[in-house]
Amino acid sequence: MTKKEVDFVISNDEGVCFYQVAATVLDENTLARELAPLQKISDNHPKFLLTLDKIMPNANHNGIRQINILDWLLN
């Protein structure tokens, strides 16, 4: 059995958010691998995939938002 873990979780007064971080997810296998831990979480908290990819900024993978990490850091 392969364990899957989320890279980090932020919990504050506004709630809980789950984050997965990858340099790139342009390869389908990499995208699937990085989304898998977030897809296993069965709650309604926001989930994010942070990457350096510029090709698919602000993509949405069934409720998991993909954001360019540089944009995320600047906001």
N, C-alpha and C. Protein backbone atom coordinates (compact mmCIF):
# COMPACT_ATOMS: atom_id res chain seq x y z
N MET A 1 0.84 -1.17 0.00
CA MET A 1 0.00 0.00 0.00
C MET A 1 0.89 1.24 0.00
N THR A 2 0.63 2.17 -0.89
CA THR A 2 1.38 3.41 -0.97
C THR A 2 0.71 4.47 -0.12
N LYS A 3 1.48 5.10 0.75
CA LYS A 3 0.93 6.18 1.56
C LYS A 3 0.92 7.46 0.74
N LYS A 4 -0.10 8.26 0.94
CA LYS A 4 -0.21 9.55 0.27
C LYS A 4 -0.32 10.60 1.35
N GLU A 5 0.43 11.67 1.19
CA GLU A 5 0.36 12.75 2.18
C GLU A 5 0.28 14.09 1.48
N VAL A 6 -0.36 15.03 2.13
CA VAL A 6 -0.48 16.39 1.63
C VAL A 6 0.77 17.13 2.09
N ASP A 7 1.29 18.04 1.24
CA ASP A 7 2.52 18.74 1.57
C ASP A 7 2.37 19.65 2.78
N PHE A 8 1.30 20.45 2.84
CA PHE A 8 1.07 21.24 4.04
C PHE A 8 -0.39 21.65 4.16
N VAL A 9 -0.74 21.98 5.41
CA VAL A 9 -2.10 22.38 5.76
C VAL A 9 -2.01 23.72 6.49
N ILE A 10 -2.88 24.64 6.13
CA ILE A 10 -2.97 25.91 6.85
C ILE A 10 -4.30 25.92 7.58
N SER A 11 -4.21 26.16 8.88
CA SER A 11 -5.41 26.26 9.71
C SER A 11 -5.34 27.58 10.47
N ASN A 12 -6.35 28.42 10.26
CA ASN A 12 -6.40 29.70 10.96
C ASN A 12 -7.86 30.05 11.24
N ASP A 13 -8.10 31.29 11.64
CA ASP A 13 -9.47 31.72 11.97
C ASP A 13 -10.43 31.60 10.79
N GLU A 14 -9.89 31.64 9.57
CA GLU A 14 -10.72 31.56 8.36
C GLU A 14 -11.05 30.12 7.98
N GLY A 15 -10.38 29.16 8.57
CA GLY A 15 -10.65 27.76 8.27
C GLY A 15 -9.39 26.97 7.97
N VAL A 16 -9.57 25.87 7.25
CA VAL A 16 -8.48 24.96 6.92
C VAL A 16 -8.35 24.90 5.40
N CYS A 17 -7.10 24.89 4.91
CA CYS A 17 -6.81 24.72 3.48
C CYS A 17 -5.70 23.68 3.34
N PHE A 18 -5.82 22.84 2.33
CA PHE A 18 -4.83 21.81 2.05
C PHE A 18 -4.04 22.17 0.79
N TYR A 19 -2.73 21.94 0.82
CA TYR A 19 -1.86 22.31 -0.29
C TYR A 19 -0.94 21.17 -0.71
N GLN A 20 -0.80 21.02 -2.01
CA GLN A 20 0.16 20.11 -2.61
C GLN A 20 1.05 20.98 -3.49
N VAL A 21 2.37 20.72 -3.50
CA VAL A 21 3.32 21.55 -4.23
C VAL A 21 4.13 20.67 -5.18
N ALA A 22 4.27 21.12 -6.43
CA ALA A 22 5.08 20.41 -7.42
C ALA A 22 5.69 21.43 -8.37
N ALA A 23 6.89 21.17 -8.85
CA ALA A 23 7.52 22.08 -9.80
C ALA A 23 6.67 22.18 -11.07
N THR A 24 6.25 21.04 -11.58
CA THR A 24 5.43 21.01 -12.78
C THR A 24 4.52 19.79 -12.76
N VAL A 25 3.37 19.93 -13.36
CA VAL A 25 2.44 18.80 -13.49
C VAL A 25 1.97 18.68 -14.94
N LEU A 26 2.83 19.07 -15.87
CA LEU A 26 2.46 18.98 -17.29
C LEU A 26 2.37 17.54 -17.77
N ASP A 27 3.09 16.64 -17.13
CA ASP A 27 2.99 15.21 -17.43
C ASP A 27 1.75 14.66 -16.73
N GLU A 28 0.92 13.91 -17.45
CA GLU A 28 -0.33 13.38 -16.89
C GLU A 28 -0.11 12.52 -15.66
N ASN A 29 0.95 11.71 -15.65
CA ASN A 29 1.23 10.84 -14.51
C ASN A 29 1.60 11.67 -13.28
N THR A 30 2.36 12.72 -13.48
CA THR A 30 2.73 13.60 -12.37
C THR A 30 1.51 14.32 -11.82
N LEU A 31 0.66 14.81 -12.71
CA LEU A 31 -0.56 15.48 -12.29
C LEU A 31 -1.42 14.54 -11.45
N ALA A 32 -1.61 13.32 -11.92
CA ALA A 32 -2.42 12.34 -11.19
C ALA A 32 -1.82 12.04 -9.83
N ARG A 33 -0.49 11.89 -9.77
CA ARG A 33 0.19 11.60 -8.50
C ARG A 33 0.02 12.74 -7.51
N GLU A 34 0.13 13.98 -7.98
CA GLU A 34 0.03 15.14 -7.08
C GLU A 34 -1.40 15.42 -6.64
N LEU A 35 -2.37 15.12 -7.47
CA LEU A 35 -3.77 15.32 -7.11
C LEU A 35 -4.30 14.25 -6.16
N ALA A 36 -3.75 13.04 -6.23
CA ALA A 36 -4.26 11.90 -5.47
C ALA A 36 -4.41 12.15 -3.97
N PRO A 37 -3.41 12.72 -3.29
CA PRO A 37 -3.60 12.94 -1.84
C PRO A 37 -4.74 13.91 -1.54
N LEU A 38 -4.90 14.93 -2.36
CA LEU A 38 -5.98 15.90 -2.14
C LEU A 38 -7.34 15.28 -2.43
N GLN A 39 -7.40 14.41 -3.44
CA GLN A 39 -8.66 13.77 -3.80
C GLN A 39 -9.13 12.80 -2.72
N LYS A 40 -8.22 12.30 -1.91
CA LYS A 40 -8.57 11.36 -0.84
C LYS A 40 -9.21 12.05 0.35
N ILE A 41 -9.10 13.37 0.43
CA ILE A 41 -9.66 14.11 1.56
C ILE A 41 -11.14 14.39 1.26
N SER A 42 -12.00 13.80 2.05
CA SER A 42 -13.44 13.91 1.77
C SER A 42 -14.11 14.94 2.67
N ASP A 43 -13.70 16.18 2.53
CA ASP A 43 -14.37 17.26 3.23
C ASP A 43 -14.54 18.43 2.27
N ASN A 44 -15.08 19.51 2.73
CA ASN A 44 -15.33 20.65 1.85
C ASN A 44 -14.33 21.78 2.02
N HIS A 45 -13.20 21.52 2.67
CA HIS A 45 -12.17 22.54 2.82
C HIS A 45 -11.48 22.77 1.48
N PRO A 46 -11.03 24.01 1.23
CA PRO A 46 -10.34 24.30 -0.04
C PRO A 46 -9.05 23.49 -0.18
N LYS A 47 -8.81 23.08 -1.42
CA LYS A 47 -7.61 22.30 -1.75
C LYS A 47 -6.92 22.95 -2.93
N PHE A 48 -5.58 23.05 -2.85
CA PHE A 48 -4.81 23.76 -3.86
C PHE A 48 -3.60 22.94 -4.30
N LEU A 49 -3.29 23.05 -5.58
CA LEU A 49 -2.08 22.48 -6.17
C LEU A 49 -1.23 23.66 -6.64
N LEU A 50 -0.08 23.85 -6.01
CA LEU A 50 0.80 24.97 -6.34
C LEU A 50 1.93 24.46 -7.23
N THR A 51 2.10 25.10 -8.40
CA THR A 51 3.14 24.69 -9.35
C THR A 51 3.82 25.91 -9.95
N LEU A 52 4.89 25.67 -10.68
CA LEU A 52 5.56 26.72 -11.44
C LEU A 52 5.02 26.82 -12.86
N ASP A 53 4.07 25.96 -13.20
CA ASP A 53 3.52 25.93 -14.56
C ASP A 53 2.82 27.24 -14.90
N LYS A 54 3.11 27.75 -16.09
CA LYS A 54 2.44 28.96 -16.58
C LYS A 54 1.38 28.61 -17.63
N ILE A 55 1.43 27.38 -18.13
CA ILE A 55 0.52 26.97 -19.20
C ILE A 55 -0.91 26.84 -18.71
N MET A 56 -1.11 26.36 -17.51
CA MET A 56 -2.46 26.14 -16.99
C MET A 56 -2.68 26.95 -15.71
N PRO A 57 -2.47 28.25 -15.72
CA PRO A 57 -2.68 28.99 -14.48
C PRO A 57 -4.16 28.97 -14.11
N ASN A 58 -4.41 28.84 -12.85
CA ASN A 58 -5.77 28.85 -12.31
C ASN A 58 -6.66 27.75 -12.87
N ALA A 59 -6.07 26.60 -13.18
CA ALA A 59 -6.85 25.45 -13.61
C ALA A 59 -7.63 24.90 -12.42
N ASN A 60 -8.69 24.17 -12.71
CA ASN A 60 -9.51 23.56 -11.68
C ASN A 60 -9.63 22.08 -11.99
N HIS A 61 -9.25 21.24 -11.05
CA HIS A 61 -9.29 19.79 -11.22
C HIS A 61 -10.34 19.23 -10.26
N ASN A 62 -11.59 19.26 -10.68
CA ASN A 62 -12.71 18.76 -9.86
C ASN A 62 -12.69 19.38 -8.47
N GLY A 63 -12.56 20.69 -8.42
CA GLY A 63 -12.60 21.41 -7.15
C GLY A 63 -11.25 21.69 -6.53
N ILE A 64 -10.20 21.11 -7.06
CA ILE A 64 -8.84 21.39 -6.59
C ILE A 64 -8.26 22.45 -7.51
N ARG A 65 -8.00 23.63 -6.95
CA ARG A 65 -7.51 24.74 -7.76
C ARG A 65 -6.00 24.66 -7.93
N GLN A 66 -5.55 24.76 -9.17
CA GLN A 66 -4.13 24.81 -9.48
C GLN A 66 -3.74 26.27 -9.65
N ILE A 67 -2.74 26.70 -8.91
CA ILE A 67 -2.29 28.09 -8.93
C ILE A 67 -0.79 28.13 -9.12
N ASN A 68 -0.32 29.08 -9.90
CA ASN A 68 1.12 29.29 -10.04
C ASN A 68 1.65 29.73 -8.67
N ILE A 69 2.68 29.07 -8.20
CA ILE A 69 3.17 29.33 -6.84
C ILE A 69 3.71 30.74 -6.68
N LEU A 70 4.30 31.30 -7.74
CA LEU A 70 4.80 32.67 -7.65
C LEU A 70 3.66 33.66 -7.48
N ASP A 71 2.56 33.45 -8.20
CA ASP A 71 1.38 34.29 -8.03
C ASP A 71 0.82 34.14 -6.62
N TRP A 72 0.79 32.91 -6.12
CA TRP A 72 0.27 32.62 -4.79
C TRP A 72 1.11 33.32 -3.71
N LEU A 73 2.43 33.28 -3.87
CA LEU A 73 3.31 33.91 -2.88
C LEU A 73 3.17 35.43 -2.88
N LEU A 74 2.89 36.01 -4.04
CA LEU A 74 2.78 37.46 -4.13
C LEU A 74 1.43 38.00 -3.65
N ASN A 75 0.45 37.11 -3.50
CA ASN A 75 -0.89 37.56 -3.04
C ASN A 75 -1.08 37.36 -1.59
